[in-house]
N, C-alpha and C. Protein backbone atom coordinates (compact mmCIF):
# COMPACT_ATOMS: atom_id res chain seq x y z
N MET A 1 22.73 12.25 -7.78
CA MET A 1 22.96 12.62 -6.63
C MET A 1 22.27 13.84 -6.43
N ALA A 2 21.65 14.16 -5.50
CA ALA A 2 21.28 15.60 -5.07
C ALA A 2 21.67 15.87 -3.90
N ASN A 3 22.29 16.83 -3.90
CA ASN A 3 22.89 17.44 -2.54
C ASN A 3 23.99 16.02 -1.41
N GLY A 4 24.19 15.70 -2.30
CA GLY A 4 24.86 14.60 -1.83
C GLY A 4 24.41 13.43 -1.35
N ARG A 5 22.93 13.57 -1.40
CA ARG A 5 22.12 12.42 -1.46
C ARG A 5 21.85 11.33 -2.83
N VAL A 6 21.24 10.54 -2.37
CA VAL A 6 20.53 9.55 -3.44
C VAL A 6 19.28 10.24 -4.16
N LYS A 7 19.49 10.36 -4.97
CA LYS A 7 17.96 11.16 -6.01
C LYS A 7 16.58 10.59 -5.51
N PRO A 8 15.58 10.95 -5.00
CA PRO A 8 14.58 10.22 -5.01
C PRO A 8 13.93 9.54 -6.35
N ALA A 9 13.41 8.43 -6.29
CA ALA A 9 12.66 7.40 -7.13
C ALA A 9 12.19 7.90 -8.31
N GLU A 10 11.56 8.96 -8.12
CA GLU A 10 10.86 9.59 -8.96
C GLU A 10 12.24 10.14 -10.25
N GLU A 11 13.10 10.81 -9.59
CA GLU A 11 13.86 11.58 -10.20
C GLU A 11 14.45 10.51 -11.02
N LYS A 12 15.33 9.11 -10.35
CA LYS A 12 15.62 8.43 -11.05
C LYS A 12 15.02 7.65 -11.96
N THR A 13 13.52 7.32 -11.76
CA THR A 13 12.95 6.43 -12.88
C THR A 13 11.27 7.47 -13.57
N GLY A 14 11.51 8.60 -13.21
CA GLY A 14 10.26 9.26 -13.88
C GLY A 14 9.00 8.58 -13.51
N ASP A 15 9.11 7.45 -12.17
CA ASP A 15 7.58 7.28 -12.04
C ASP A 15 7.16 7.48 -10.90
N PRO A 16 5.97 8.35 -10.75
CA PRO A 16 5.38 8.82 -9.43
C PRO A 16 5.16 7.39 -8.51
N ALA A 17 4.76 6.29 -9.08
CA ALA A 17 4.43 5.03 -8.31
C ALA A 17 5.72 4.65 -7.76
N VAL A 18 6.70 4.77 -8.51
CA VAL A 18 7.89 4.26 -7.87
C VAL A 18 8.48 4.71 -6.50
N ALA A 19 7.96 6.48 -6.40
CA ALA A 19 8.64 7.58 -5.64
C ALA A 19 7.19 6.97 -4.38
N ARG A 20 6.12 6.79 -4.77
CA ARG A 20 5.45 6.68 -3.60
C ARG A 20 5.73 5.48 -2.88
N VAL A 21 5.86 4.03 -3.39
CA VAL A 21 6.13 3.03 -2.83
C VAL A 21 7.54 3.10 -1.97
N GLU A 22 8.64 4.09 -2.49
CA GLU A 22 9.88 4.36 -1.83
C GLU A 22 9.42 5.14 -0.68
N ALA A 23 8.55 6.11 -0.64
CA ALA A 23 8.25 7.05 0.32
C ALA A 23 7.48 6.44 1.57
N ILE A 24 6.73 5.19 0.62
CA ILE A 24 5.68 4.62 1.90
C ILE A 24 6.95 3.69 2.88
N LEU A 25 7.97 3.18 1.89
CA LEU A 25 8.71 1.90 2.48
C LEU A 25 9.50 2.72 3.75
N ARG A 26 9.81 4.19 3.53
CA ARG A 26 10.31 4.95 4.25
C ARG A 26 9.74 5.04 5.98
N ASP A 27 8.26 5.41 5.39
CA ASP A 27 7.93 5.61 6.73
C ASP A 27 6.58 4.40 7.12
N ILE A 28 6.73 3.02 6.53
CA ILE A 28 5.49 2.35 7.33
C ILE A 28 6.08 1.72 8.71
N GLU A 29 7.43 1.51 8.98
CA GLU A 29 7.96 0.95 10.01
C GLU A 29 7.12 1.71 11.25
N GLY A 30 7.24 2.78 11.26
CA GLY A 30 6.88 4.19 12.15
C GLY A 30 5.38 4.61 12.29
N ALA A 31 4.74 3.72 11.51
CA ALA A 31 2.98 4.26 11.21
C ALA A 31 2.65 3.36 12.44
N ALA A 32 1.31 4.13 12.83
CA ALA A 32 0.36 3.49 13.72
C ALA A 32 -0.09 2.01 13.00
N ARG A 33 -0.49 0.77 13.61
CA ARG A 33 -1.20 -0.37 13.33
C ARG A 33 -1.61 -0.39 11.93
N ASP A 34 -2.95 0.44 12.21
CA ASP A 34 -4.06 0.64 11.29
C ASP A 34 -3.53 1.39 9.87
N GLU A 35 -2.83 2.00 10.54
CA GLU A 35 -1.84 2.92 9.28
C GLU A 35 -1.03 1.88 8.46
N ARG A 36 0.19 1.33 9.17
CA ARG A 36 0.82 0.33 8.38
C ARG A 36 -0.08 -0.25 7.46
N LEU A 37 -0.81 -1.25 8.10
CA LEU A 37 -1.83 -2.02 7.22
C LEU A 37 -2.47 -1.30 5.80
N GLN A 38 -3.02 -0.09 6.11
CA GLN A 38 -3.29 0.25 4.91
C GLN A 38 -2.16 0.94 3.78
N LEU A 39 -1.06 1.20 4.45
CA LEU A 39 -0.10 1.90 3.28
C LEU A 39 0.63 0.29 2.95
N TRP A 40 0.52 -0.96 3.63
CA TRP A 40 0.94 -1.91 2.84
C TRP A 40 -0.18 -2.22 1.83
N ARG A 41 -1.44 -2.10 2.12
CA ARG A 41 -2.03 -2.13 1.10
C ARG A 41 -2.08 -1.44 -0.11
N GLU A 42 -2.29 -0.27 0.10
CA GLU A 42 -1.25 0.68 -1.37
C GLU A 42 0.01 0.02 -2.10
N ILE A 43 1.03 -0.36 -1.10
CA ILE A 43 1.89 -0.69 -1.85
C ILE A 43 1.51 -1.74 -2.86
N ASP A 44 0.62 -2.72 -2.36
CA ASP A 44 0.29 -4.26 -3.09
C ASP A 44 -0.42 -3.76 -4.20
N ASP A 45 -1.08 -2.97 -3.86
CA ASP A 45 -2.32 -2.05 -5.33
C ASP A 45 -1.29 -1.71 -6.32
N LEU A 46 -0.49 -0.82 -5.94
CA LEU A 46 0.86 -0.18 -7.29
C LEU A 46 1.42 -1.31 -7.09
N HIS A 47 2.01 -2.20 -6.67
CA HIS A 47 2.58 -3.80 -6.98
C HIS A 47 1.74 -4.33 -8.21
N GLY A 48 0.88 -4.32 -8.31
CA GLY A 48 -0.28 -5.15 -8.63
C GLY A 48 -0.65 -4.22 -10.20
N ARG A 49 -0.14 -2.52 -10.27
CA ARG A 49 -0.98 -2.14 -11.50
C ARG A 49 0.40 -1.62 -12.28
N SER A 50 1.82 -1.57 -11.71
CA SER A 50 2.83 -1.29 -12.12
C SER A 50 4.05 -2.00 -12.38
N GLU A 51 4.48 -2.41 -13.53
CA GLU A 51 5.81 -2.99 -13.93
C GLU A 51 6.85 -2.02 -13.15
N PRO A 52 7.30 -0.54 -13.32
CA PRO A 52 8.53 -0.35 -12.54
C PRO A 52 8.26 -0.29 -10.97
N VAL A 53 7.23 -0.39 -10.25
CA VAL A 53 7.31 -0.86 -9.09
C VAL A 53 7.30 -2.35 -9.00
N ARG A 54 7.01 -3.07 -9.37
CA ARG A 54 7.57 -4.94 -8.68
C ARG A 54 9.24 -4.39 -9.11
N THR A 55 9.74 -3.91 -10.42
CA THR A 55 11.03 -4.10 -10.24
C THR A 55 11.31 -3.43 -9.48
N PHE A 56 10.95 -2.09 -9.04
CA PHE A 56 11.99 -1.50 -7.57
C PHE A 56 11.88 -2.37 -6.65
N LEU A 57 10.28 -2.99 -6.36
CA LEU A 57 10.29 -3.78 -4.96
C LEU A 57 11.26 -4.62 -5.16
N PHE A 58 11.57 -5.20 -6.10
CA PHE A 58 12.23 -6.80 -6.22
C PHE A 58 13.85 -6.12 -5.94
N HIS A 59 14.13 -5.41 -6.39
CA HIS A 59 15.88 -4.55 -6.18
C HIS A 59 15.93 -4.57 -4.99
N PHE A 60 15.01 -3.76 -4.54
CA PHE A 60 14.93 -2.85 -3.06
C PHE A 60 14.71 -4.31 -2.07
N ALA A 61 14.25 -5.14 -2.11
CA ALA A 61 13.83 -6.54 -1.78
C ALA A 61 15.31 -7.00 -1.23
N ARG A 62 15.77 -7.64 -2.53
CA ARG A 62 17.28 -8.16 -2.58
C ARG A 62 18.78 -7.60 -2.19
N GLY A 63 18.17 -5.89 -1.54
CA GLY A 63 19.27 -5.29 -1.34
C GLY A 63 19.95 -5.06 -2.39
N ASP A 64 19.60 -4.84 -3.87
CA ASP A 64 20.53 -4.33 -5.02
C ASP A 64 20.45 -2.70 -5.13
N THR A 65 19.92 -1.84 -3.99
CA THR A 65 19.66 -0.85 -4.04
C THR A 65 20.70 -0.42 -2.66
N ASN A 66 20.07 0.79 -2.29
CA ASN A 66 20.80 1.10 -1.12
C ASN A 66 20.30 -0.14 0.25
N PRO A 67 20.90 -0.53 1.07
CA PRO A 67 21.00 -1.00 2.10
C PRO A 67 19.45 -0.58 2.82
N ALA A 68 18.47 -1.40 3.11
CA ALA A 68 17.51 -1.05 3.69
C ALA A 68 17.36 -1.87 5.25
N ASP A 69 16.46 -0.99 6.10
CA ASP A 69 16.42 -1.81 7.18
C ASP A 69 15.28 -3.07 7.26
N PRO A 70 15.64 -3.75 8.22
CA PRO A 70 14.61 -5.18 7.94
C PRO A 70 13.29 -5.30 7.41
N TYR A 71 12.62 -4.30 8.25
CA TYR A 71 10.97 -4.26 8.30
C TYR A 71 10.61 -3.74 6.63
N PRO A 72 10.97 -2.56 5.90
CA PRO A 72 10.60 -2.69 5.07
C PRO A 72 11.28 -3.43 3.86
N ARG A 73 12.63 -3.86 3.97
CA ARG A 73 12.98 -5.28 3.41
C ARG A 73 11.75 -6.28 3.41
N PHE A 74 11.02 -6.23 4.53
CA PHE A 74 10.10 -7.57 4.88
C PHE A 74 9.20 -7.37 3.87
N VAL A 75 8.46 -5.91 4.11
CA VAL A 75 7.38 -5.41 3.49
C VAL A 75 7.56 -5.85 1.79
N ALA A 76 8.63 -5.68 1.31
CA ALA A 76 8.73 -5.50 -0.33
C ALA A 76 8.88 -6.95 -0.48
N SER A 77 9.97 -7.94 0.45
CA SER A 77 10.06 -9.06 0.18
C SER A 77 8.77 -9.69 0.02
N ALA A 78 7.73 -9.73 1.00
CA ALA A 78 6.50 -10.20 1.05
C ALA A 78 5.75 -9.97 -0.10
N THR A 79 5.93 -8.85 -0.66
CA THR A 79 4.85 -8.42 -1.77
C THR A 79 5.31 -9.08 -2.75
N ILE A 80 6.44 -9.17 -2.94
CA ILE A 80 7.17 -9.86 -4.01
C ILE A 80 6.78 -11.46 -4.15
N ALA A 81 7.09 -11.62 -3.22
CA ALA A 81 6.68 -12.97 -2.92
C ALA A 81 5.21 -13.43 -3.17
N GLY A 82 4.37 -12.82 -3.47
CA GLY A 82 2.64 -13.15 -3.39
C GLY A 82 1.92 -12.86 -2.07
N PHE A 83 2.43 -12.65 -1.02
CA PHE A 83 1.66 -12.93 0.27
C PHE A 83 0.40 -11.69 0.01
N GLY A 84 0.41 -10.82 -0.61
CA GLY A 84 -0.90 -10.08 -1.05
C GLY A 84 -0.98 -8.96 -0.10
N ARG A 85 -2.56 -8.72 0.11
CA ARG A 85 -2.87 -7.38 1.63
C ARG A 85 -2.63 -8.55 2.62
N PRO A 86 -2.55 -7.35 3.73
CA PRO A 86 -2.41 -7.63 4.80
C PRO A 86 -3.77 -8.45 4.96
N SER A 87 -3.80 -9.59 5.36
CA SER A 87 -5.35 -10.64 5.56
C SER A 87 -5.31 -11.13 7.43
N ARG A 88 -6.50 -11.60 7.58
CA ARG A 88 -6.80 -12.33 8.71
C ARG A 88 -7.42 -13.50 8.26
N ILE A 89 -6.78 -14.02 6.95
CA ILE A 89 -7.36 -15.51 6.79
C ILE A 89 -6.35 -16.45 7.37
N GLY A 90 -7.14 -17.15 8.30
CA GLY A 90 -6.27 -18.42 9.20
C GLY A 90 -6.01 -18.34 10.43
N PRO A 91 -5.41 -19.23 11.08
CA PRO A 91 -4.87 -18.41 12.75
C PRO A 91 -4.56 -17.04 12.87
N ASN A 92 -5.17 -16.60 13.95
CA ASN A 92 -4.82 -14.97 14.26
C ASN A 92 -3.79 -14.90 15.25
N ASN A 93 -3.82 -16.39 15.82
CA ASN A 93 -2.57 -16.22 16.59
C ASN A 93 -2.07 -17.62 16.79
N LEU A 94 -0.77 -18.03 17.50
CA LEU A 94 -0.03 -19.08 17.54
C LEU A 94 0.05 -19.96 18.69
N ILE A 95 -0.66 -21.01 19.15
CA ILE A 95 -0.46 -21.58 20.53
C ILE A 95 1.05 -22.17 20.56
N ALA A 96 1.43 -21.75 22.26
CA ALA A 96 2.83 -22.77 22.08
C ALA A 96 2.79 -24.02 21.79
N GLY A 97 4.27 -24.13 21.07
CA GLY A 97 4.31 -25.17 20.74
C GLY A 97 4.04 -25.42 19.39
N THR A 98 3.21 -24.35 18.45
CA THR A 98 2.95 -24.74 17.26
C THR A 98 4.17 -25.01 16.25
N SER A 99 3.96 -25.78 15.41
CA SER A 99 5.39 -26.23 14.38
C SER A 99 5.57 -25.10 13.56
N LEU A 100 6.37 -24.27 13.40
CA LEU A 100 6.98 -23.40 12.47
C LEU A 100 6.74 -24.33 10.81
N ALA A 101 7.29 -25.21 10.76
CA ALA A 101 7.03 -25.54 9.48
C ALA A 101 5.11 -25.82 8.80
N TRP A 102 4.57 -26.71 10.27
CA TRP A 102 3.31 -26.46 9.83
C TRP A 102 2.54 -25.58 9.47
N TYR A 103 2.88 -24.16 10.31
CA TYR A 103 2.24 -22.95 10.13
C TYR A 103 2.86 -22.25 8.52
N ILE A 104 3.95 -22.53 8.17
CA ILE A 104 4.46 -22.07 6.85
C ILE A 104 4.03 -22.94 5.38
N THR A 105 3.39 -24.12 5.74
CA THR A 105 2.67 -24.91 4.80
C THR A 105 1.38 -24.79 5.02
N ILE A 106 0.69 -24.22 5.79
CA ILE A 106 -0.75 -23.78 5.46
C ILE A 106 -0.93 -22.79 4.93
N GLN A 107 0.33 -21.63 5.41
CA GLN A 107 0.19 -20.75 4.84
C GLN A 107 0.14 -20.23 3.37
N ARG A 108 1.18 -21.28 2.98
CA ARG A 108 1.56 -21.47 1.47
C ARG A 108 0.69 -21.84 0.55
N GLY A 109 -0.32 -22.86 1.61
CA GLY A 109 -1.70 -23.57 0.77
C GLY A 109 -2.77 -22.66 0.84
N SER A 110 -2.92 -21.65 1.18
CA SER A 110 -3.87 -20.58 1.27
C SER A 110 -3.75 -19.18 0.67
N PRO A 111 -3.27 -19.07 -0.19
CA PRO A 111 -3.23 -17.82 -1.21
C PRO A 111 -4.35 -16.97 -1.51
N VAL A 112 -3.75 -15.26 -0.74
CA VAL A 112 -4.96 -14.71 -0.71
C VAL A 112 -5.21 -13.94 -2.26
N SER A 113 -3.94 -13.97 -2.65
CA SER A 113 -4.27 -12.90 -4.17
C SER A 113 -3.00 -13.77 -5.07
N GLY A 114 -3.08 -15.09 -5.34
CA GLY A 114 -1.78 -15.83 -6.39
C GLY A 114 -1.15 -16.21 -5.08
N PRO A 115 -0.34 -17.33 -5.80
CA PRO A 115 0.28 -18.26 -4.74
C PRO A 115 1.45 -17.45 -4.19
N ARG A 116 1.46 -18.13 -2.81
CA ARG A 116 2.54 -17.53 -1.63
C ARG A 116 3.95 -18.22 -2.26
N ARG A 117 4.55 -17.52 -2.69
CA ARG A 117 6.30 -18.29 -2.24
C ARG A 117 6.95 -18.29 -1.59
N LEU A 118 6.47 -19.06 -0.41
CA LEU A 118 7.20 -19.43 1.01
C LEU A 118 7.90 -20.48 1.46
N GLU A 119 9.16 -20.20 1.85
CA GLU A 119 9.97 -21.57 2.01
C GLU A 119 10.29 -21.50 3.61
N LEU A 120 10.88 -22.55 4.08
CA LEU A 120 11.49 -22.47 5.24
C LEU A 120 13.10 -23.57 4.81
N ALA A 121 14.10 -22.98 5.51
CA ALA A 121 15.27 -23.21 5.32
C ALA A 121 14.84 -24.68 6.10
N PRO A 122 15.60 -25.81 5.86
CA PRO A 122 14.99 -27.37 6.35
C PRO A 122 15.71 -27.39 7.91
N ALA A 123 16.81 -26.53 8.25
CA ALA A 123 17.35 -26.28 9.87
C ALA A 123 16.22 -25.83 10.52
N LEU A 124 15.21 -25.40 10.00
CA LEU A 124 13.92 -24.94 10.81
C LEU A 124 12.73 -25.61 11.08
N ASN A 125 12.97 -27.05 10.12
CA ASN A 125 11.67 -27.65 10.05
C ASN A 125 10.88 -27.89 11.76
N ASP A 126 12.18 -28.02 12.87
CA ASP A 126 11.90 -28.77 14.18
C ASP A 126 11.08 -27.49 15.12
N VAL A 127 11.65 -26.22 14.67
CA VAL A 127 11.24 -24.90 15.56
C VAL A 127 9.87 -24.99 15.99
N LYS A 128 9.70 -24.60 17.24
CA LYS A 128 8.28 -24.75 17.87
C LYS A 128 7.91 -23.31 18.01
N VAL A 129 6.96 -22.38 17.74
CA VAL A 129 6.79 -21.11 18.08
C VAL A 129 5.45 -20.73 18.72
N GLU A 130 5.41 -19.35 19.13
CA GLU A 130 4.04 -19.12 20.24
C GLU A 130 3.85 -17.57 19.61
N VAL A 131 2.74 -17.04 19.25
CA VAL A 131 2.30 -15.53 18.89
C VAL A 131 0.91 -15.55 19.84
N ALA A 132 1.15 -15.03 20.58
CA ALA A 132 -0.10 -14.42 21.56
C ALA A 132 -0.99 -13.70 20.70
N PRO A 133 -2.48 -13.70 20.76
CA PRO A 133 -3.57 -12.78 20.25
C PRO A 133 -3.32 -11.55 20.61
N ASN A 134 -3.42 -10.53 19.68
CA ASN A 134 -3.62 -9.07 20.03
C ASN A 134 -4.93 -8.56 20.71
N ALA A 135 -5.21 -7.97 21.26
CA ALA A 135 -6.36 -7.38 21.78
C ALA A 135 -7.53 -7.89 21.32
N LYS A 136 -7.84 -7.33 19.95
CA LYS A 136 -8.54 -7.54 19.04
C LYS A 136 -8.84 -8.94 18.62
N ASP A 137 -7.89 -9.76 18.51
CA ASP A 137 -7.43 -11.22 17.93
C ASP A 137 -7.47 -11.25 16.56
N ASP A 138 -7.05 -10.08 16.10
CA ASP A 138 -7.11 -10.00 14.35
C ASP A 138 -5.28 -9.73 14.04
N LEU A 139 -4.87 -10.51 14.70
CA LEU A 139 -3.29 -10.21 13.66
C LEU A 139 -3.39 -11.20 12.49
N THR A 140 -2.63 -10.34 11.47
CA THR A 140 -2.77 -10.27 10.18
C THR A 140 -1.45 -11.71 9.87
N PHE A 141 -1.63 -12.57 8.82
CA PHE A 141 -0.63 -13.42 8.28
C PHE A 141 1.02 -12.60 8.76
N THR A 142 0.98 -11.73 7.79
CA THR A 142 2.67 -10.52 7.84
C THR A 142 2.89 -10.34 9.32
N GLU A 143 1.65 -10.04 10.17
CA GLU A 143 1.99 -9.46 11.19
C GLU A 143 2.66 -10.86 12.37
N ILE A 144 2.19 -11.93 12.27
CA ILE A 144 2.34 -13.07 12.83
C ILE A 144 3.80 -13.74 12.14
N LEU A 145 4.03 -13.43 10.86
CA LEU A 145 5.24 -14.00 10.40
C LEU A 145 6.53 -13.09 11.14
N TRP A 146 6.03 -11.56 11.06
CA TRP A 146 7.21 -10.68 11.33
C TRP A 146 7.42 -10.68 12.84
N THR A 147 6.31 -11.12 13.65
CA THR A 147 7.24 -11.58 14.73
C THR A 147 7.36 -12.72 15.23
N ILE A 148 7.35 -13.65 14.55
CA ILE A 148 8.41 -15.07 14.59
C ILE A 148 9.41 -14.80 14.25
N LEU A 149 10.00 -13.64 13.17
CA LEU A 149 11.32 -13.82 12.76
C LEU A 149 11.95 -12.74 13.62
N VAL A 150 11.39 -11.81 13.93
CA VAL A 150 12.31 -11.03 15.26
C VAL A 150 12.28 -11.71 16.38
N ARG A 151 11.03 -12.41 17.16
CA ARG A 151 11.13 -13.15 18.09
C ARG A 151 12.14 -14.26 18.45
N TYR A 152 12.35 -14.76 17.23
CA TYR A 152 12.99 -16.21 17.15
C TYR A 152 13.90 -15.77 16.70
N ARG A 153 14.60 -14.91 16.41
CA ARG A 153 15.80 -14.35 16.10
C ARG A 153 16.09 -14.98 14.38
N LEU A 154 15.33 -14.65 13.81
CA LEU A 154 15.50 -15.67 12.07
C LEU A 154 16.04 -14.40 11.30
N SER A 155 16.04 -14.93 10.35
CA SER A 155 16.04 -13.95 9.10
C SER A 155 15.34 -14.35 7.91
N PHE A 156 15.41 -13.53 6.92
CA PHE A 156 14.89 -14.57 5.40
C PHE A 156 15.21 -13.46 4.44
N ARG A 157 15.16 -13.89 3.46
CA ARG A 157 15.83 -13.57 2.00
C ARG A 157 15.09 -13.86 0.91
N LEU A 158 14.93 -12.48 -0.04
CA LEU A 158 14.04 -12.86 -1.77
C LEU A 158 15.00 -13.68 -2.02
N GLU A 159 14.68 -15.03 -2.70
CA GLU A 159 15.54 -15.81 -3.56
C GLU A 159 15.42 -15.05 -5.22
N PRO A 160 16.18 -15.35 -6.28
CA PRO A 160 16.17 -14.70 -7.35
C PRO A 160 14.80 -14.90 -7.86
N ASP A 161 14.16 -16.10 -7.51
CA ASP A 161 12.90 -16.26 -8.47
C ASP A 161 11.62 -15.59 -7.76
N GLY A 162 12.09 -15.20 -6.77
CA GLY A 162 10.82 -14.64 -6.04
C GLY A 162 9.98 -15.17 -4.83
N THR A 163 11.05 -16.24 -4.20
CA THR A 163 10.47 -17.19 -3.30
C THR A 163 11.00 -16.22 -1.43
N PHE A 164 10.26 -16.03 -0.99
CA PHE A 164 10.54 -15.64 0.52
C PHE A 164 10.92 -16.54 1.24
N LEU A 165 12.38 -16.59 1.39
CA LEU A 165 13.19 -17.90 2.20
C LEU A 165 13.27 -17.49 3.94
N ILE A 166 12.94 -18.55 4.73
CA ILE A 166 12.97 -18.14 5.94
C ILE A 166 14.20 -18.64 6.54
N LEU A 167 15.18 -18.09 7.24
CA LEU A 167 16.72 -18.88 7.24
C LEU A 167 16.80 -18.69 8.67
N PRO A 168 17.62 -19.24 9.40
CA PRO A 168 18.07 -19.31 11.03
C PRO A 168 18.95 -18.00 11.16
N GLU A 169 19.63 -17.47 10.09
CA GLU A 169 20.83 -16.47 11.06
C GLU A 169 21.43 -16.03 9.72
N PRO A 170 21.76 -14.75 9.79
CA PRO A 170 21.51 -13.98 11.02
C PRO A 170 20.51 -13.24 11.65
N PRO A 171 20.18 -13.14 12.75
CA PRO A 171 18.76 -12.39 13.15
C PRO A 171 18.99 -11.12 12.58
N LEU A 172 17.46 -10.85 12.93
CA LEU A 172 17.31 -9.36 12.36
C LEU A 172 17.27 -8.10 13.19
N ALA A 173 16.93 -8.49 14.49
CA ALA A 173 16.98 -7.88 15.29
C ALA A 173 18.45 -8.28 16.81
């Protein structure tokens, strides 16, 4: 501990890449959209190059370290689950009545950089969702998924095998 606070990751691990990811996770939710997407790309790059970053993200996502706000945990969980860089592959919005189970299935089947480990709790198979397009009609998969989690008061957790599991409760916000 330094001054009664948890030491920064670099002091704990000696790895500047882990310290950078920790700093990004602190700042990512409040960043403007374009910056947020760029920060997520940086996390994905560091995740791909550094075993200590992968270990840190896994424990951060699972809540094994300090408790984290839902959005930074979402970013870490999605990264570990193989969602890849924020991309605009697939639908950029979802019309009213879209089956959440269908959306998850097609997203699991169109990996960006390796397989997406993404599952839906069976209790959510009949949930219908809608996510309107943004002004540029360029929402990313992760932006759509985060919108669904918040709007429909769903939750998520990273399973021990690295699977991102969407759950009915408790709600995120």
